[in-house]
Amino acid sequence: MLKKVRQMIGRYDSIIWIRVVGTIMVTFANFMLRPFLAIYLYDKLDNNLLVAAMVVGLQPATSMVAGLYGGSLADRFGRKPLMVASLAIEAVTMIGFAFADSLLHFAVLTIINGVGASLFWPAASAQVSDVVPEEQRGEVFALLHTAVNVGAAMGPLIGVKVYQMNPAIAFFTCSLMMGLYCLLIIWKVPETLPKKDRTSSAVLQQTDGDDGENQAFSKQPKMVLREHKLLLAMTLLALPVSFLYSQVEIVLPQHLKTQYVDYLNVFAMLMTVNGIFVVCTQMLIAKYAEKFPAQRVILAAYLLLACVGVGYGWAPTFALLIVAEIFFTLGEMLYGPQIQKAVSVIAPEEYRGRYFSIFGSNWQLTGTFGPSLGALMFGVLGGGVWFSIVGAALLIAGFFQYGLVKKAMAYAEKCQSVTEEKLTDKQVVI
């Protein structure tokens, strides 16, 4: 048993295990708070669901704008500075939320928090691509997803009790965990950006021009978006998945409120089931999923999530609601690692941060408009019809994403074969 544990630990770079520990810390605190943040704002803002949704949407809106630069900054200055800055900003804003008491305060803090959040994931995802061989990336993304759900399994049920007692405690706990993770990265995580790609705005190359004073910055390669159509199309078709998540955070609690008296505990139970199921099965499912082409796994994920939309909307009993949540969990376990792997294999080394930043913008886009649109549609159509529409969008998008991921994996295989041929030619010459 001890030998197997050592083999497991030795299988991945130490950076990955530090990320796992830090992720558990932060997500535990986040899930004490996040499932109830929309409800907290709803209560603070005079029970106005639309205004609360708009405030919630400010964070991803800011992240979407700032995130376009976050990936570029990670490719230019390195992964570590961006991750440290992100956690520091978020830790400070969490303390601010505990004392906020007006719409303006919540809005400003949400915007600042969005800037901080946008810096972390492009750099963190690119870091995985830096240190993990391609054939292990699906496993590592699955491992990190498991770490997220260790926190998700423990956080909600504790969070609902803390929320009912004093929401400020959850904000302070979240800030503390982010601060500790920030210090852990500073202390233990080295920079992983390949040296040949590192540039710094502080380093100037002096050149002699007509006036003798021209200066040129050392610049990273320019990225022209129209030349990366496959990435853009995959990002577009990922929107229904992230849109479903945006509805879970603000519309689902209100939908449950119409069906259950103790809806907060019902909502917390769903989050806990999700977290526990992921922790117990994510790595097994990830290893099993590696036996199949990525496009088939991703199609299966979309189909499961489409069923979830219908289940959330129409489940007549708590037991069937739990079944829907298990489908949601299976879908996200299949989708997350494989779609990130697909992005990683088509990302040129010099564009890794920007590729993950652009693909990640699907979360910010739906997080910006999803809550407000969901609040409006919930009021007009009701939860059942609205979640069914989201499910239908997932069904349609899944078949198109299947084709794109198949193309992405074929492209990666072609690039790998070309590289192997070049290496063989060099050996022959030698």
Protein backbone atom coordinates (compact mmCIF):
# COMPACT_ATOMS: atom_id res chain seq x y z
CA MET A 1 0.00 0.00 0.00
CA LEU A 2 2.79 2.41 0.99
CA LYS A 3 4.62 1.53 -2.23
CA LYS A 4 1.56 2.39 -4.32
CA VAL A 5 1.21 5.73 -2.54
CA ARG A 6 4.87 6.54 -3.26
CA GLN A 7 4.42 5.57 -6.90
CA MET A 8 1.34 7.80 -7.14
CA ILE A 9 3.18 10.75 -5.60
CA GLY A 10 6.21 10.19 -7.81
CA ARG A 11 4.09 10.01 -10.95
CA TYR A 12 3.57 13.78 -11.07
CA ASP A 13 5.77 16.83 -10.59
CA SER A 14 5.79 18.28 -7.05
CA ILE A 15 4.19 21.44 -8.46
CA ILE A 16 1.06 19.43 -9.23
CA TRP A 17 0.77 18.17 -5.64
CA ILE A 18 1.19 21.69 -4.27
CA ARG A 19 -1.59 22.77 -6.63
CA VAL A 20 -3.76 19.91 -5.36
CA VAL A 21 -3.29 20.93 -1.70
CA GLY A 22 -3.89 24.60 -2.42
CA THR A 23 -6.94 23.86 -4.54
CA ILE A 24 -8.53 21.82 -1.74
CA MET A 25 -7.94 24.67 0.73
CA VAL A 26 -9.41 27.36 -1.51
CA THR A 27 -12.38 25.39 -2.85
CA PHE A 28 -13.37 24.28 0.64
CA ALA A 29 -13.62 27.93 1.64
CA ASN A 30 -15.22 28.93 -1.68
CA PHE A 31 -17.92 26.30 -1.38
CA MET A 32 -18.71 27.45 2.13
CA LEU A 33 -19.61 30.71 0.45
CA ARG A 34 -20.20 30.42 -3.29
CA PRO A 35 -23.48 28.43 -3.31
CA PHE A 36 -25.00 31.06 -1.04
CA LEU A 37 -23.43 34.24 -2.41
CA ALA A 38 -26.34 34.92 -4.77
CA ILE A 39 -28.78 34.31 -1.92
CA TYR A 40 -26.71 36.61 0.33
CA LEU A 41 -26.87 39.39 -2.28
CA TYR A 42 -30.57 38.71 -2.84
CA ASP A 43 -31.21 39.30 0.87
CA LYS A 44 -28.92 42.34 1.06
CA LEU A 45 -30.40 44.00 -2.04
CA ASP A 46 -34.03 44.07 -0.93
CA ASN A 47 -34.98 40.68 -2.43
CA ASN A 48 -34.45 41.89 -6.00
CA LEU A 49 -33.37 38.81 -7.98
CA LEU A 50 -32.52 40.72 -11.17
CA VAL A 51 -30.28 43.25 -9.36
CA ALA A 52 -28.58 40.43 -7.45
CA ALA A 53 -28.01 38.59 -10.74
CA MET A 54 -26.54 41.70 -12.34
CA VAL A 55 -24.09 42.14 -9.44
CA VAL A 56 -23.10 38.47 -9.66
CA GLY A 57 -22.56 39.00 -13.40
CA LEU A 58 -20.10 41.83 -12.84
CA GLN A 59 -17.38 39.45 -11.67
CA PRO A 60 -17.23 37.30 -14.81
CA ALA A 61 -17.73 40.39 -17.00
CA THR A 62 -14.60 41.93 -15.52
CA SER A 63 -12.82 38.57 -15.70
CA MET A 64 -13.71 38.29 -19.37
CA VAL A 65 -12.11 41.64 -20.22
CA ALA A 66 -9.11 41.25 -17.92
CA GLY A 67 -8.73 37.58 -18.87
CA LEU A 68 -7.94 38.54 -22.47
CA TYR A 69 -4.77 40.10 -21.07
CA GLY A 70 -4.23 37.50 -18.32
CA GLY A 71 -3.12 34.76 -20.70
CA SER A 72 -0.85 37.15 -22.58
CA LEU A 73 0.73 38.33 -19.32
CA ALA A 74 1.26 34.71 -18.25
CA ASP A 75 3.06 34.01 -21.53
CA ARG A 76 5.18 37.13 -21.11
CA PHE A 77 6.04 37.46 -17.42
CA GLY A 78 5.48 33.91 -16.22
CA ARG A 79 2.87 31.75 -14.50
CA LYS A 80 3.87 32.34 -10.88
CA PRO A 81 3.52 36.17 -10.69
CA LEU A 82 0.02 35.99 -12.17
CA MET A 83 -1.12 33.24 -9.78
CA VAL A 84 0.26 35.09 -6.74
CA ALA A 85 -1.32 38.40 -7.76
CA SER A 86 -4.67 36.69 -8.39
CA LEU A 87 -4.87 35.05 -4.98
CA ALA A 88 -3.75 38.22 -3.18
CA ILE A 89 -6.44 40.33 -4.89
CA GLU A 90 -9.17 37.79 -4.19
CA ALA A 91 -8.14 37.45 -0.53
CA VAL A 92 -8.48 41.20 0.01
CA THR A 93 -11.86 41.45 -1.74
CA MET A 94 -13.28 38.59 0.36
CA ILE A 95 -12.63 40.66 3.49
CA GLY A 96 -14.32 43.62 1.80
CA PHE A 97 -17.48 41.60 1.09
CA ALA A 98 -17.87 40.89 4.81
CA PHE A 99 -18.25 44.64 5.49
CA ALA A 100 -20.08 45.74 2.31
CA ASP A 101 -23.58 47.11 2.90
CA SER A 102 -24.61 48.89 -0.30
CA LEU A 103 -25.07 48.15 -4.00
CA LEU A 104 -22.07 50.35 -4.88
CA HIS A 105 -19.79 48.53 -2.42
CA PHE A 106 -20.82 45.11 -3.72
CA ALA A 107 -20.39 46.24 -7.34
CA VAL A 108 -16.88 47.67 -6.82
CA LEU A 109 -15.67 44.65 -4.86
CA THR A 110 -17.14 42.28 -7.44
CA ILE A 111 -15.30 44.09 -10.25
CA ILE A 112 -11.97 43.98 -8.40
CA ASN A 113 -12.53 40.32 -7.54
CA GLY A 114 -13.17 39.64 -11.23
CA VAL A 115 -9.81 41.12 -12.17
CA GLY A 116 -8.09 38.88 -9.64
CA ALA A 117 -9.95 35.74 -10.70
CA SER A 118 -9.12 36.29 -14.36
CA LEU A 119 -5.38 36.11 -13.73
CA PHE A 120 -5.23 32.68 -12.10
CA TRP A 121 -6.65 30.00 -14.40
CA PRO A 122 -4.93 30.81 -17.72
CA ALA A 123 -1.57 30.83 -15.90
CA ALA A 124 -2.41 27.74 -13.82
CA SER A 125 -3.63 25.72 -16.83
CA ALA A 126 -0.61 26.73 -18.89
CA GLN A 127 1.57 25.66 -15.95
CA VAL A 128 0.17 22.12 -16.24
CA SER A 129 1.07 22.08 -19.94
CA ASP A 130 4.58 23.28 -19.03
CA VAL A 131 5.41 20.47 -16.60
CA VAL A 132 3.18 17.52 -17.58
CA PRO A 133 3.74 15.30 -20.66
CA GLU A 134 0.85 15.30 -23.12
CA GLU A 135 -0.16 11.71 -22.36
CA GLN A 136 -0.62 12.54 -18.65
CA ARG A 137 -2.45 15.85 -18.97
CA GLY A 138 -5.92 14.31 -18.95
CA GLU A 139 -5.03 12.55 -15.68
CA VAL A 140 -3.62 15.70 -14.10
CA PHE A 141 -6.59 17.89 -15.04
CA ALA A 142 -8.79 15.13 -13.58
CA LEU A 143 -6.69 15.10 -10.39
CA LEU A 144 -7.08 18.87 -10.01
CA HIS A 145 -10.81 18.53 -10.65
CA THR A 146 -10.91 15.94 -7.88
CA ALA A 147 -9.15 18.40 -5.57
CA VAL A 148 -11.79 21.01 -6.38
CA ASN A 149 -14.48 18.58 -5.36
CA VAL A 150 -12.81 17.55 -2.12
CA GLY A 151 -13.51 21.12 -1.07
CA ALA A 152 -16.93 21.02 -2.73
CA ALA A 153 -17.85 17.90 -0.77
CA MET A 154 -17.05 19.45 2.59
CA GLY A 155 -17.91 23.10 2.02
CA PRO A 156 -21.66 23.43 1.29
CA LEU A 157 -23.16 21.67 4.32
CA ILE A 158 -20.73 23.48 6.64
CA GLY A 159 -21.34 26.67 4.69
CA VAL A 160 -25.12 26.59 5.08
CA LYS A 161 -24.73 26.42 8.87
CA VAL A 162 -22.15 29.21 8.86
CA TYR A 163 -24.33 31.28 6.50
CA GLN A 164 -27.33 30.90 8.80
CA MET A 165 -25.17 31.83 11.80
CA ASN A 166 -23.00 34.66 10.39
CA PRO A 167 -22.05 35.01 6.68
CA ALA A 168 -19.00 37.14 7.60
CA ILE A 169 -17.26 34.03 8.98
CA ALA A 170 -17.41 32.41 5.54
CA PHE A 171 -15.88 35.50 3.90
CA PHE A 172 -13.02 35.62 6.42
CA THR A 173 -12.36 31.88 6.06
CA CYS A 174 -12.22 32.23 2.28
CA SER A 175 -9.77 35.13 2.54
CA LEU A 176 -7.53 33.20 4.94
CA MET A 177 -7.36 30.13 2.69
CA MET A 178 -6.53 32.22 -0.38
CA GLY A 179 -3.79 34.00 1.55
CA LEU A 180 -2.27 30.70 2.69
CA TYR A 181 -2.36 29.28 -0.85
CA CYS A 182 -0.68 32.45 -2.12
CA LEU A 183 2.15 32.03 0.41
CA LEU A 184 2.49 28.34 -0.54
CA ILE A 185 3.00 29.25 -4.21
CA ILE A 186 5.55 31.94 -3.31
CA TRP A 187 7.46 29.47 -1.12
CA LYS A 188 7.29 26.21 -3.05
CA VAL A 189 6.35 26.72 -6.71
CA PRO A 190 9.08 27.68 -9.20
CA GLU A 191 8.45 29.49 -12.46
CA THR A 192 7.64 27.04 -15.29
CA LEU A 193 7.45 29.32 -18.34
CA PRO A 194 10.05 28.02 -20.83
CA LYS A 195 13.11 30.29 -20.69
CA LYS A 196 13.11 30.96 -24.41
CA ASP A 197 9.59 32.44 -24.12
CA ARG A 198 10.33 34.75 -21.20
CA THR A 199 10.34 38.45 -21.86
CA SER A 200 10.18 41.43 -19.58
CA SER A 201 8.98 44.95 -20.12
CA ALA A 202 11.83 46.02 -17.88
CA VAL A 203 14.42 44.75 -20.35
CA LEU A 204 15.06 47.07 -23.24
CA GLN A 205 17.16 46.43 -26.28
CA GLN A 206 19.02 49.57 -27.27
CA THR A 207 19.15 50.07 -31.04
CA ASP A 208 20.76 52.80 -33.06
CA GLY A 209 18.27 54.55 -35.33
CA ASP A 210 18.37 57.79 -37.27
CA ASP A 211 18.13 59.77 -34.04
CA GLY A 212 20.36 57.39 -32.09
CA GLU A 213 17.75 56.94 -29.35
CA ASN A 214 15.33 54.30 -30.66
CA GLN A 215 14.41 51.58 -28.20
CA ALA A 216 12.70 48.27 -28.87
CA PHE A 217 11.00 46.04 -26.37
CA SER A 218 11.60 42.32 -26.46
CA LYS A 219 8.16 41.14 -27.47
CA GLN A 220 6.30 37.84 -27.47
CA PRO A 221 4.87 36.53 -30.75
CA LYS A 222 1.73 38.35 -31.84
CA MET A 223 -1.43 36.25 -31.90
CA VAL A 224 -3.93 36.89 -34.72
CA LEU A 225 -7.29 35.44 -33.64
CA ARG A 226 -8.58 34.71 -37.15
CA GLU A 227 -5.71 32.25 -37.58
CA HIS A 228 -6.99 30.17 -34.64
CA LYS A 229 -10.51 29.29 -35.84
CA LEU A 230 -10.54 25.84 -34.25
CA LEU A 231 -9.95 27.31 -30.79
CA LEU A 232 -12.63 29.96 -31.30
CA ALA A 233 -15.19 27.40 -32.49
CA MET A 234 -14.48 25.07 -29.54
CA THR A 235 -14.91 28.03 -27.20
CA LEU A 236 -18.23 28.98 -28.78
CA LEU A 237 -19.61 25.45 -28.42
CA ALA A 238 -18.49 25.29 -24.79
CA LEU A 239 -20.91 28.13 -23.94
CA PRO A 240 -23.94 25.88 -23.20
CA VAL A 241 -21.92 23.94 -20.61
CA SER A 242 -20.79 27.01 -18.71
CA PHE A 243 -24.26 28.52 -19.15
CA LEU A 244 -25.74 25.56 -17.26
CA TYR A 245 -23.33 26.27 -14.40
CA SER A 246 -24.40 29.93 -14.32
CA GLN A 247 -28.03 28.84 -13.91
CA VAL A 248 -27.17 26.41 -11.11
CA GLU A 249 -25.67 29.18 -8.99
CA ILE A 250 -28.52 31.69 -9.10
CA VAL A 251 -31.65 30.26 -10.78
CA LEU A 252 -31.65 26.74 -9.33
CA PRO A 253 -31.90 27.92 -5.68
CA GLN A 254 -34.89 30.09 -6.58
CA HIS A 255 -36.47 27.19 -8.50
CA LEU A 256 -35.96 24.89 -5.50
CA LYS A 257 -37.51 27.55 -3.29
CA THR A 258 -40.80 27.06 -5.15
CA GLN A 259 -40.75 23.32 -4.37
CA TYR A 260 -39.11 22.88 -0.97
CA VAL A 261 -39.53 24.71 2.33
CA ASP A 262 -35.98 23.89 3.43
CA TYR A 263 -34.52 24.72 0.01
CA LEU A 264 -31.12 25.87 1.35
CA ASN A 265 -30.39 22.44 2.81
CA VAL A 266 -31.67 20.76 -0.37
CA PHE A 267 -29.34 22.93 -2.45
CA ALA A 268 -26.41 22.25 -0.11
CA MET A 269 -27.12 18.51 -0.28
CA LEU A 270 -26.97 18.58 -4.09
CA MET A 271 -23.59 20.34 -3.96
CA THR A 272 -22.32 17.83 -1.41
CA VAL A 273 -23.46 14.82 -3.45
CA ASN A 274 -21.67 16.31 -6.42
CA GLY A 275 -18.45 16.82 -4.47
CA ILE A 276 -18.40 13.40 -2.78
CA PHE A 277 -19.16 11.56 -6.02
CA VAL A 278 -16.32 13.36 -7.83
CA VAL A 279 -13.84 12.67 -5.03
CA CYS A 280 -14.69 8.97 -4.99
CA THR A 281 -14.77 8.35 -8.74
CA GLN A 282 -12.99 11.11 -10.73
CA MET A 283 -9.61 9.41 -11.13
CA LEU A 284 -11.19 6.04 -11.97
CA ILE A 285 -13.47 7.63 -14.54
CA ALA A 286 -10.59 9.69 -15.96
CA LYS A 287 -8.46 6.56 -16.45
CA TYR A 288 -11.39 4.70 -18.00
CA ALA A 289 -12.19 7.66 -20.27
CA GLU A 290 -8.60 7.65 -21.61
CA LYS A 291 -9.41 4.33 -23.34
CA PHE A 292 -11.82 6.12 -25.67
CA PRO A 293 -11.33 8.93 -28.20
CA ALA A 294 -11.68 12.33 -26.55
CA GLN A 295 -14.49 13.37 -28.90
CA ARG A 296 -16.67 10.44 -27.83
CA VAL A 297 -16.11 11.17 -24.15
CA ILE A 298 -17.02 14.82 -24.65
CA LEU A 299 -20.17 13.92 -26.62
CA ALA A 300 -21.25 11.62 -23.77
CA ALA A 301 -20.67 14.49 -21.34
CA TYR A 302 -22.89 16.85 -23.35
CA LEU A 303 -25.66 14.23 -23.50
CA LEU A 304 -25.54 13.70 -19.74
CA LEU A 305 -25.63 17.45 -19.08
CA ALA A 306 -28.59 17.81 -21.46
CA CYS A 307 -30.46 15.29 -19.29
CA VAL A 308 -29.53 17.34 -16.24
CA GLY A 309 -31.31 20.39 -17.65
CA VAL A 310 -34.54 18.41 -17.91
CA GLY A 311 -33.97 16.80 -14.51
CA TYR A 312 -33.43 20.09 -12.70
CA GLY A 313 -36.52 21.52 -14.32
CA TRP A 314 -39.00 18.69 -13.83
CA ALA A 315 -37.78 16.21 -11.17
CA PRO A 316 -40.93 15.59 -9.05
CA THR A 317 -39.10 14.14 -6.04
CA PHE A 318 -35.90 14.74 -4.13
CA ALA A 319 -34.66 11.26 -5.12
CA LEU A 320 -34.91 12.09 -8.85
CA LEU A 321 -33.24 15.42 -8.18
CA ILE A 322 -30.31 13.46 -6.72
CA VAL A 323 -30.25 11.31 -9.87
CA ALA A 324 -30.06 14.48 -11.97
CA GLU A 325 -27.17 15.67 -9.81
CA ILE A 326 -25.34 12.37 -10.34
CA PHE A 327 -25.77 12.84 -14.11
CA PHE A 328 -24.39 16.37 -13.71
CA THR A 329 -21.38 15.00 -11.84
CA LEU A 330 -20.68 12.30 -14.43
CA GLY A 331 -20.98 14.89 -17.20
CA GLU A 332 -18.56 17.35 -15.66
CA MET A 333 -16.06 14.59 -14.78
CA LEU A 334 -15.99 13.47 -18.41
CA TYR A 335 -16.06 16.97 -19.90
CA GLY A 336 -13.55 19.01 -17.89
CA PRO A 337 -10.33 16.97 -18.19
CA GLN A 338 -10.93 16.00 -21.82
CA ILE A 339 -11.82 19.45 -23.12
CA GLN A 340 -8.79 20.96 -21.36
CA LYS A 341 -6.61 18.22 -22.83
CA ALA A 342 -8.00 19.01 -26.30
CA VAL A 343 -7.14 22.69 -25.85
CA SER A 344 -3.66 21.85 -24.55
CA VAL A 345 -2.75 19.67 -27.54
CA ILE A 346 -3.69 22.29 -30.14
CA ALA A 347 -2.03 25.17 -28.26
CA PRO A 348 1.37 26.20 -29.65
CA GLU A 349 3.94 26.43 -26.85
CA GLU A 350 4.31 30.20 -27.19
CA TYR A 351 0.53 30.70 -26.99
CA ARG A 352 -0.42 28.33 -24.16
CA GLY A 353 -1.48 31.00 -21.69
CA ARG A 354 -3.48 32.84 -24.31
CA TYR A 355 -5.17 29.67 -25.56
CA PHE A 356 -6.44 28.82 -22.08
CA SER A 357 -7.38 32.44 -21.52
CA ILE A 358 -9.45 32.59 -24.71
CA PHE A 359 -11.09 29.22 -24.09
CA GLY A 360 -11.79 30.18 -20.48
CA SER A 361 -13.65 33.26 -21.67
CA ASN A 362 -16.69 31.04 -22.27
CA TRP A 363 -17.10 30.86 -18.48
CA GLN A 364 -16.82 34.62 -18.09
CA LEU A 365 -19.21 35.30 -20.96
CA THR A 366 -21.98 33.08 -19.60
CA GLY A 367 -21.23 34.17 -16.06
CA THR A 368 -21.77 37.78 -17.16
CA PHE A 369 -25.05 37.40 -19.03
CA GLY A 370 -26.29 34.04 -17.72
CA PRO A 371 -27.53 35.11 -14.28
CA SER A 372 -29.50 38.12 -15.58
CA LEU A 373 -30.94 36.20 -18.54
CA GLY A 374 -31.78 33.28 -16.26
CA ALA A 375 -33.51 35.56 -13.75
CA LEU A 376 -35.63 37.09 -16.51
CA MET A 377 -36.52 33.76 -18.13
CA PHE A 378 -37.25 32.16 -14.77
CA GLY A 379 -39.80 34.90 -14.10
CA VAL A 380 -41.37 34.56 -17.56
CA LEU A 381 -41.21 30.82 -18.28
CA GLY A 382 -40.69 29.16 -14.92
CA GLY A 383 -37.86 26.86 -13.93
CA GLY A 384 -39.08 23.74 -15.73
CA VAL A 385 -39.32 25.22 -19.22
CA TRP A 386 -36.17 27.31 -18.82
CA PHE A 387 -33.93 24.43 -17.72
CA SER A 388 -35.36 22.31 -20.56
CA ILE A 389 -34.29 24.98 -23.08
CA VAL A 390 -30.77 24.92 -21.61
CA GLY A 391 -30.79 21.10 -21.95
CA ALA A 392 -31.78 21.35 -25.63
CA ALA A 393 -28.91 23.78 -26.29
CA LEU A 394 -26.48 21.29 -24.72
CA LEU A 395 -27.81 18.47 -26.90
CA ILE A 396 -27.29 20.43 -30.13
CA ALA A 397 -23.88 21.83 -29.15
CA GLY A 398 -22.61 18.39 -28.14
CA PHE A 399 -22.77 16.99 -31.67
CA PHE A 400 -20.93 19.97 -33.15
CA GLN A 401 -18.27 19.89 -30.41
CA TYR A 402 -17.75 16.18 -31.17
CA GLY A 403 -16.61 17.08 -34.69
CA LEU A 404 -14.32 19.87 -33.55
CA VAL A 405 -12.58 17.82 -30.86
CA LYS A 406 -12.11 14.98 -33.33
CA LYS A 407 -10.41 17.47 -35.64
CA ALA A 408 -8.28 18.82 -32.77
CA MET A 409 -7.03 15.39 -31.76
CA ALA A 410 -6.27 14.47 -35.39
CA TYR A 411 -4.27 17.70 -35.70
CA ALA A 412 -2.30 16.82 -32.56
CA GLU A 413 -1.52 13.33 -33.86
CA LYS A 414 -0.35 14.79 -37.17
CA CYS A 415 1.97 17.25 -35.40
CA GLN A 416 3.38 14.46 -33.24
CA SER A 417 4.11 12.26 -36.24
CA VAL A 418 5.87 15.13 -38.02
CA THR A 419 8.02 15.74 -34.93
CA GLU A 420 8.93 12.05 -34.71
CA GLU A 421 9.91 12.02 -38.39
CA LYS A 422 12.19 15.01 -37.88
CA LEU A 423 13.85 13.33 -34.89
CA THR A 424 14.36 10.16 -36.94
CA ASP A 425 15.90 12.16 -39.79
CA LYS A 426 18.33 13.81 -37.35
CA GLN A 427 19.36 10.44 -35.96
CA VAL A 428 20.00 9.16 -39.49
CA VAL A 429 22.18 12.19 -40.27
CA ILE A 430 24.15 11.67 -37.06
